[in-house]
Each structure stands twice: as C-alpha cells, then as structure tokens.
Amino acid sequence: DDQYIDAKRRFCEEHGIEFVVLEKSLP
C-alpha cells in the first residue's frame, strides 16, 4: 500500500538496491 512505490522502485534501480514489496495483512 506504499503510495510512492514507483519512485522507490526507480530509486532502487538507480542505486543497485534490491526492492522487495511485502504483502500487508490486516492486524
């Protein structure tokens, strides 16, 4: 649910950082 997921993915691509998205479960 991260609203900046695309910007963060691009940041990771630019800097060679693995990008992992974790599924969110209800508390």
PDB file of all heavy atoms in Angstrom:
ATOM      1  N   ASP A   1       0.810  -1.226   0.000  1.00  0.00           N
ATOM      2  CA  ASP A   1       0.000   0.000   0.000  1.00  0.00           C
ATOM      3  C   ASP A   1       0.845   1.279   0.000  1.00  0.00           C
ATOM      4  O   ASP A   1       0.318   2.377   0.137  1.00  0.00           O
ATOM      5  CB  ASP A   1      -0.973   0.017   1.177  1.00  0.00           C
ATOM      6  CG  ASP A   1      -0.274   0.121   2.524  1.00  0.00           C
ATOM      7  OD1 ASP A   1       0.938  -0.173   2.612  1.00  0.00           O
ATOM      8  OD2 ASP A   1      -0.955   0.483   3.502  1.00  0.00           O
ATOM      9  N   ASP A   2       2.146   1.150  -0.193  1.00  0.00           N
ATOM     10  CA  ASP A   2       3.027   2.322  -0.213  1.00  0.00           C
ATOM     11  C   ASP A   2       2.664   3.184  -1.422  1.00  0.00           C
ATOM     12  O   ASP A   2       2.750   2.736  -2.567  1.00  0.00           O
ATOM     13  CB  ASP A   2       4.489   1.866  -0.303  1.00  0.00           C
ATOM     14  CG  ASP A   2       5.479   2.987  -0.097  1.00  0.00           C
ATOM     15  OD1 ASP A   2       5.311   4.065  -0.704  1.00  0.00           O
ATOM     16  OD2 ASP A   2       6.434   2.786   0.658  1.00  0.00           O
ATOM     17  N   GLN A   3       2.266   4.424  -1.179  1.00  0.00           N
ATOM     18  CA  GLN A   3       1.827   5.284  -2.278  1.00  0.00           C
ATOM     19  C   GLN A   3       2.965   5.791  -3.151  1.00  0.00           C
ATOM     20  O   GLN A   3       2.731   6.339  -4.226  1.00  0.00           O
ATOM     21  CB  GLN A   3       0.987   6.446  -1.758  1.00  0.00           C
ATOM     22  CG  GLN A   3       1.699   7.382  -0.826  1.00  0.00           C
ATOM     23  CD  GLN A   3       0.771   8.443  -0.266  1.00  0.00           C
ATOM     24  OE1 GLN A   3      -0.399   8.512  -0.600  1.00  0.00           O
ATOM     25  NE2 GLN A   3       1.304   9.288   0.592  1.00  0.00           N
ATOM     26  N   TYR A   4       4.203   5.599  -2.727  1.00  0.00           N
ATOM     27  CA  TYR A   4       5.363   6.045  -3.500  1.00  0.00           C
ATOM     28  C   TYR A   4       6.165   4.862  -4.047  1.00  0.00           C
ATOM     29  O   TYR A   4       7.362   4.961  -4.293  1.00  0.00           O
ATOM     30  CB  TYR A   4       6.254   6.950  -2.647  1.00  0.00           C
ATOM     31  CG  TYR A   4       5.486   8.111  -2.073  1.00  0.00           C
ATOM     32  CD1 TYR A   4       5.219   8.192  -0.701  1.00  0.00           C
ATOM     33  CD2 TYR A   4       4.990   9.113  -2.892  1.00  0.00           C
ATOM     34  CE1 TYR A   4       4.488   9.251  -0.179  1.00  0.00           C
ATOM     35  CE2 TYR A   4       4.257  10.179  -2.372  1.00  0.00           C
ATOM     36  CZ  TYR A   4       4.014  10.238  -1.014  1.00  0.00           C
ATOM     37  OH  TYR A   4       3.292  11.275  -0.497  1.00  0.00           O
ATOM     38  N   ILE A   5       5.505   3.753  -4.253  1.00  0.00           N
ATOM     39  CA  ILE A   5       6.173   2.510  -4.637  1.00  0.00           C
ATOM     40  C   ILE A   5       6.963   2.660  -5.942  1.00  0.00           C
ATOM     41  O   ILE A   5       8.076   2.144  -6.061  1.00  0.00           O
ATOM     42  CB  ILE A   5       5.150   1.351  -4.694  1.00  0.00           C
ATOM     43  CG1 ILE A   5       5.849   0.012  -4.520  1.00  0.00           C
ATOM     44  CG2 ILE A   5       4.305   1.383  -5.940  1.00  0.00           C
ATOM     45  CD1 ILE A   5       4.888  -1.126  -4.181  1.00  0.00           C
ATOM     46  N   ASP A   6       6.415   3.367  -6.920  1.00  0.00           N
ATOM     47  CA  ASP A   6       7.111   3.524  -8.201  1.00  0.00           C
ATOM     48  C   ASP A   6       8.392   4.343  -8.050  1.00  0.00           C
ATOM     49  O   ASP A   6       9.438   3.986  -8.604  1.00  0.00           O
ATOM     50  CB  ASP A   6       6.192   4.152  -9.251  1.00  0.00           C
ATOM     51  CG  ASP A   6       5.054   3.220  -9.648  1.00  0.00           C
ATOM     52  OD1 ASP A   6       5.231   1.981  -9.559  1.00  0.00           O
ATOM     53  OD2 ASP A   6       3.982   3.722 -10.033  1.00  0.00           O
ATOM     54  N   ALA A   7       8.328   5.432  -7.295  1.00  0.00           N
ATOM     55  CA  ALA A   7       9.516   6.265  -7.069  1.00  0.00           C
ATOM     56  C   ALA A   7      10.575   5.473  -6.300  1.00  0.00           C
ATOM     57  O   ALA A   7      11.772   5.574  -6.594  1.00  0.00           O
ATOM     58  CB  ALA A   7       9.139   7.531  -6.303  1.00  0.00           C
ATOM     59  N   LYS A   8      10.154   4.675  -5.337  1.00  0.00           N
ATOM     60  CA  LYS A   8      11.102   3.882  -4.552  1.00  0.00           C
ATOM     61  C   LYS A   8      11.728   2.771  -5.393  1.00  0.00           C
ATOM     62  O   LYS A   8      12.916   2.493  -5.269  1.00  0.00           O
ATOM     63  CB  LYS A   8      10.419   3.317  -3.305  1.00  0.00           C
ATOM     64  CG  LYS A   8      10.075   4.412  -2.312  1.00  0.00           C
ATOM     65  CD  LYS A   8       9.345   3.899  -1.098  1.00  0.00           C
ATOM     66  CE  LYS A   8       9.034   5.049  -0.147  1.00  0.00           C
ATOM     67  NZ  LYS A   8       8.358   4.585   1.081  1.00  0.00           N
ATOM     68  N   ARG A   9      10.934   2.183  -6.273  1.00  0.00           N
ATOM     69  CA  ARG A   9      11.463   1.151  -7.176  1.00  0.00           C
ATOM     70  C   ARG A   9      12.532   1.767  -8.093  1.00  0.00           C
ATOM     71  O   ARG A   9      13.606   1.196  -8.271  1.00  0.00           O
ATOM     72  CB  ARG A   9      10.346   0.542  -8.013  1.00  0.00           C
ATOM     73  CG  ARG A   9      10.810  -0.561  -8.938  1.00  0.00           C
ATOM     74  CD  ARG A   9       9.749  -1.060  -9.911  1.00  0.00           C
ATOM     75  NE  ARG A   9       8.394  -0.995  -9.429  1.00  0.00           N
ATOM     76  CZ  ARG A   9       7.759  -1.959  -8.754  1.00  0.00           C
ATOM     77  NH1 ARG A   9       8.387  -3.071  -8.475  1.00  0.00           N
ATOM     78  NH2 ARG A   9       6.513  -1.811  -8.365  1.00  0.00           N
ATOM     79  N   ARG A  10      12.248   2.947  -8.660  1.00  0.00           N
ATOM     80  CA  ARG A  10      13.230   3.623  -9.525  1.00  0.00           C
ATOM     81  C   ARG A  10      14.507   3.970  -8.747  1.00  0.00           C
ATOM     82  O   ARG A  10      15.617   3.791  -9.244  1.00  0.00           O
ATOM     83  CB  ARG A  10      12.627   4.891 -10.136  1.00  0.00           C
ATOM     84  CG  ARG A  10      11.698   4.626 -11.308  1.00  0.00           C
ATOM     85  CD  ARG A  10      11.312   5.891 -12.037  1.00  0.00           C
ATOM     86  NE  ARG A  10      10.694   6.895 -11.182  1.00  0.00           N
ATOM     87  CZ  ARG A  10       9.402   6.941 -10.863  1.00  0.00           C
ATOM     88  NH1 ARG A  10       8.566   6.017 -11.335  1.00  0.00           N
ATOM     89  NH2 ARG A  10       8.929   7.894 -10.089  1.00  0.00           N
ATOM     90  N   PHE A  11      14.335   4.463  -7.515  1.00  0.00           N
ATOM     91  CA  PHE A  11      15.484   4.780  -6.664  1.00  0.00           C
ATOM     92  C   PHE A  11      16.365   3.543  -6.491  1.00  0.00           C
ATOM     93  O   PHE A  11      17.588   3.610  -6.617  1.00  0.00           O
ATOM     94  CB  PHE A  11      14.986   5.297  -5.308  1.00  0.00           C
ATOM     95  CG  PHE A  11      16.046   5.440  -4.269  1.00  0.00           C
ATOM     96  CD1 PHE A  11      16.886   6.544  -4.259  1.00  0.00           C
ATOM     97  CD2 PHE A  11      16.223   4.474  -3.283  1.00  0.00           C
ATOM     98  CE1 PHE A  11      17.884   6.685  -3.300  1.00  0.00           C
ATOM     99  CE2 PHE A  11      17.203   4.600  -2.317  1.00  0.00           C
ATOM    100  CZ  PHE A  11      18.037   5.711  -2.332  1.00  0.00           C
ATOM    101  N   CYS A  12      15.748   2.410  -6.207  1.00  0.00           N
ATOM    102  CA  CYS A  12      16.499   1.165  -6.017  1.00  0.00           C
ATOM    103  C   CYS A  12      17.215   0.744  -7.296  1.00  0.00           C
ATOM    104  O   CYS A  12      18.371   0.321  -7.249  1.00  0.00           O
ATOM    105  CB  CYS A  12      15.572   0.060  -5.530  1.00  0.00           C
ATOM    106  SG  CYS A  12      15.076   0.270  -3.809  1.00  0.00           S
ATOM    107  N   GLU A  13      16.536   0.855  -8.423  1.00  0.00           N
ATOM    108  CA  GLU A  13      17.161   0.510  -9.703  1.00  0.00           C
ATOM    109  C   GLU A  13      18.384   1.389  -9.957  1.00  0.00           C
ATOM    110  O   GLU A  13      19.421   0.897 -10.401  1.00  0.00           O
ATOM    111  CB  GLU A  13      16.149   0.659 -10.841  1.00  0.00           C
ATOM    112  CG  GLU A  13      15.082  -0.409 -10.838  1.00  0.00           C
ATOM    113  CD  GLU A  13      13.928  -0.118 -11.797  1.00  0.00           C
ATOM    114  OE1 GLU A  13      13.925   0.949 -12.461  1.00  0.00           O
ATOM    115  OE2 GLU A  13      13.018  -0.972 -11.880  1.00  0.00           O
ATOM    116  N   GLU A  14      18.262   2.684  -9.664  1.00  0.00           N
ATOM    117  CA  GLU A  14      19.361   3.625  -9.880  1.00  0.00           C
ATOM    118  C   GLU A  14      20.571   3.328  -8.991  1.00  0.00           C
ATOM    119  O   GLU A  14      21.701   3.636  -9.357  1.00  0.00           O
ATOM    120  CB  GLU A  14      18.894   5.063  -9.610  1.00  0.00           C
ATOM    121  CG  GLU A  14      17.907   5.598 -10.605  1.00  0.00           C
ATOM    122  CD  GLU A  14      17.270   6.910 -10.157  1.00  0.00           C
ATOM    123  OE1 GLU A  14      17.697   7.487  -9.119  1.00  0.00           O
ATOM    124  OE2 GLU A  14      16.327   7.347 -10.836  1.00  0.00           O
ATOM    125  N   HIS A  15      20.327   2.762  -7.817  1.00  0.00           N
ATOM    126  CA  HIS A  15      21.398   2.583  -6.836  1.00  0.00           C
ATOM    127  C   HIS A  15      21.757   1.123  -6.564  1.00  0.00           C
ATOM    128  O   HIS A  15      22.517   0.832  -5.630  1.00  0.00           O
ATOM    129  CB  HIS A  15      21.029   3.303  -5.532  1.00  0.00           C
ATOM    130  CG  HIS A  15      20.899   4.782  -5.717  1.00  0.00           C
ATOM    131  ND1 HIS A  15      21.996   5.609  -5.837  1.00  0.00           N
ATOM    132  CD2 HIS A  15      19.812   5.573  -5.873  1.00  0.00           C
ATOM    133  CE1 HIS A  15      21.588   6.855  -6.025  1.00  0.00           C
ATOM    134  NE2 HIS A  15      20.271   6.856  -6.059  1.00  0.00           N
ATOM    135  N   GLY A  16      21.227   0.209  -7.364  1.00  0.00           N
ATOM    136  CA  GLY A  16      21.585  -1.197  -7.220  1.00  0.00           C
ATOM    137  C   GLY A  16      21.123  -1.824  -5.921  1.00  0.00           C
ATOM    138  O   GLY A  16      21.793  -2.700  -5.376  1.00  0.00           O
ATOM    139  N   ILE A  17      19.971  -1.398  -5.437  1.00  0.00           N
ATOM    140  CA  ILE A  17      19.406  -1.927  -4.194  1.00  0.00           C
ATOM    141  C   ILE A  17      18.247  -2.861  -4.558  1.00  0.00           C
ATOM    142  O   ILE A  17      17.404  -2.506  -5.390  1.00  0.00           O
ATOM    143  CB  ILE A  17      18.890  -0.776  -3.293  1.00  0.00           C
ATOM    144  CG1 ILE A  17      20.046   0.176  -2.939  1.00  0.00           C
ATOM    145  CG2 ILE A  17      18.226  -1.329  -2.038  1.00  0.00           C
ATOM    146  CD1 ILE A  17      19.592   1.480  -2.296  1.00  0.00           C
ATOM    147  N   GLU A  18      18.217  -4.029  -3.949  1.00  0.00           N
ATOM    148  CA  GLU A  18      17.096  -4.942  -4.183  1.00  0.00           C
ATOM    149  C   GLU A  18      15.824  -4.317  -3.626  1.00  0.00           C
ATOM    150  O   GLU A  18      15.810  -3.814  -2.501  1.00  0.00           O
ATOM    151  CB  GLU A  18      17.373  -6.286  -3.503  1.00  0.00           C
ATOM    152  CG  GLU A  18      16.281  -7.310  -3.715  1.00  0.00           C
ATOM    153  CD  GLU A  18      16.540  -8.617  -2.980  1.00  0.00           C
ATOM    154  OE1 GLU A  18      17.632  -8.788  -2.392  1.00  0.00           O
ATOM    155  OE2 GLU A  18      15.625  -9.460  -2.986  1.00  0.00           O
ATOM    156  N   PHE A  19      14.754  -4.375  -4.382  1.00  0.00           N
ATOM    157  CA  PHE A  19      13.473  -3.795  -3.975  1.00  0.00           C
ATOM    158  C   PHE A  19      12.501  -4.919  -3.674  1.00  0.00           C
ATOM    159  O   PHE A  19      12.234  -5.762  -4.528  1.00  0.00           O
ATOM    160  CB  PHE A  19      12.937  -2.913  -5.102  1.00  0.00           C
ATOM    161  CG  PHE A  19      11.699  -2.156  -4.766  1.00  0.00           C
ATOM    162  CD1 PHE A  19      11.734  -1.127  -3.842  1.00  0.00           C
ATOM    163  CD2 PHE A  19      10.496  -2.466  -5.378  1.00  0.00           C
ATOM    164  CE1 PHE A  19      10.603  -0.419  -3.531  1.00  0.00           C
ATOM    165  CE2 PHE A  19       9.345  -1.760  -5.073  1.00  0.00           C
ATOM    166  CZ  PHE A  19       9.397  -0.731  -4.148  1.00  0.00           C
ATOM    167  N   VAL A  20      11.999  -4.968  -2.449  1.00  0.00           N
ATOM    168  CA  VAL A  20      11.085  -6.030  -2.030  1.00  0.00           C
ATOM    169  C   VAL A  20       9.794  -5.409  -1.525  1.00  0.00           C
ATOM    170  O   VAL A  20       9.805  -4.496  -0.697  1.00  0.00           O
ATOM    171  CB  VAL A  20      11.712  -6.914  -0.922  1.00  0.00           C
ATOM    172  CG1 VAL A  20      10.720  -7.946  -0.425  1.00  0.00           C
ATOM    173  CG2 VAL A  20      12.978  -7.583  -1.433  1.00  0.00           C
ATOM    174  N   VAL A  21       8.685  -5.938  -2.038  1.00  0.00           N
ATOM    175  CA  VAL A  21       7.363  -5.495  -1.605  1.00  0.00           C
ATOM    176  C   VAL A  21       6.773  -6.587  -0.729  1.00  0.00           C
ATOM    177  O   VAL A  21       6.667  -7.742  -1.149  1.00  0.00           O
ATOM    178  CB  VAL A  21       6.440  -5.220  -2.814  1.00  0.00           C
ATOM    179  CG1 VAL A  21       5.052  -4.812  -2.339  1.00  0.00           C
ATOM    180  CG2 VAL A  21       7.044  -4.146  -3.708  1.00  0.00           C
ATOM    181  N   LEU A  22       6.404  -6.222   0.487  1.00  0.00           N
ATOM    182  CA  LEU A  22       5.814  -7.173   1.429  1.00  0.00           C
ATOM    183  C   LEU A  22       4.304  -7.016   1.412  1.00  0.00           C
ATOM    184  O   LEU A  22       3.791  -5.902   1.518  1.00  0.00           O
ATOM    185  CB  LEU A  22       6.351  -6.915   2.839  1.00  0.00           C
ATOM    186  CG  LEU A  22       7.849  -7.104   3.018  1.00  0.00           C
ATOM    187  CD1 LEU A  22       8.290  -6.620   4.399  1.00  0.00           C
ATOM    188  CD2 LEU A  22       8.235  -8.551   2.814  1.00  0.00           C
ATOM    189  N   GLU A  23       3.619  -8.136   1.265  1.00  0.00           N
ATOM    190  CA  GLU A  23       2.165  -8.125   1.343  1.00  0.00           C
ATOM    191  C   GLU A  23       1.757  -7.676   2.740  1.00  0.00           C
ATOM    192  O   GLU A  23       2.373  -8.074   3.727  1.00  0.00           O
ATOM    193  CB  GLU A  23       1.592  -9.519   1.075  1.00  0.00           C
ATOM    194  CG  GLU A  23       1.626  -9.933  -0.365  1.00  0.00           C
ATOM    195  CD  GLU A  23       0.679  -9.155  -1.253  1.00  0.00           C
ATOM    196  OE1 GLU A  23      -0.379  -8.697  -0.776  1.00  0.00           O
ATOM    197  OE2 GLU A  23       1.008  -8.994  -2.429  1.00  0.00           O
ATOM    198  N   LYS A  24       0.729  -6.893   2.808  1.00  0.00           N
ATOM    199  CA  LYS A  24       0.259  -6.388   4.087  1.00  0.00           C
ATOM    200  C   LYS A  24      -0.966  -7.186   4.511  1.00  0.00           C
ATOM    201  O   LYS A  24      -1.868  -7.401   3.717  1.00  0.00           O
ATOM    202  CB  LYS A  24      -0.096  -4.912   3.937  1.00  0.00           C
ATOM    203  CG  LYS A  24      -0.220  -4.186   5.214  1.00  0.00           C
ATOM    204  CD  LYS A  24      -0.279  -2.704   4.959  1.00  0.00           C
ATOM    205  CE  LYS A  24      -0.278  -1.960   6.257  1.00  0.00           C
ATOM    206  NZ  LYS A  24      -0.368  -0.527   6.039  1.00  0.00           N
ATOM    207  N   SER A  25      -0.972  -7.629   5.761  1.00  0.00           N
ATOM    208  CA  SER A  25      -2.134  -8.343   6.278  1.00  0.00           C
ATOM    209  C   SER A  25      -2.837  -7.459   7.295  1.00  0.00           C
ATOM    210  O   SER A  25      -2.242  -6.550   7.865  1.00  0.00           O
ATOM    211  CB  SER A  25      -1.709  -9.673   6.906  1.00  0.00           C
ATOM    212  OG  SER A  25      -0.821  -9.449   7.970  1.00  0.00           O
ATOM    213  N   LEU A  26      -4.089  -7.740   7.490  1.00  0.00           N
ATOM    214  CA  LEU A  26      -4.860  -6.962   8.455  1.00  0.00           C
ATOM    215  C   LEU A  26      -4.405  -7.296   9.868  1.00  0.00           C
ATOM    216  O   LEU A  26      -4.168  -8.461  10.185  1.00  0.00           O
ATOM    217  CB  LEU A  26      -6.354  -7.267   8.305  1.00  0.00           C
ATOM    218  CG  LEU A  26      -6.956  -6.904   6.950  1.00  0.00           C
ATOM    219  CD1 LEU A  26      -8.403  -7.381   6.881  1.00  0.00           C
ATOM    220  CD2 LEU A  26      -6.873  -5.408   6.714  1.00  0.00           C
ATOM    221  N   PRO A  27      -4.294  -6.300  10.734  1.00  0.00           N
ATOM    222  CA  PRO A  27      -3.821  -6.552  12.103  1.00  0.00           C
ATOM    223  C   PRO A  27      -4.631  -7.591  12.852  1.00  0.00           C
ATOM    224  O   PRO A  27      -4.100  -8.359  13.609  1.00  0.00           O
ATOM    225  CB  PRO A  27      -3.932  -5.181  12.777  1.00  0.00           C
ATOM    226  CG  PRO A  27      -3.847  -4.214  11.654  1.00  0.00           C
ATOM    227  CD  PRO A  27      -4.488  -4.895  10.477  1.00  0.00           C
TER     228      PRO A  27
END
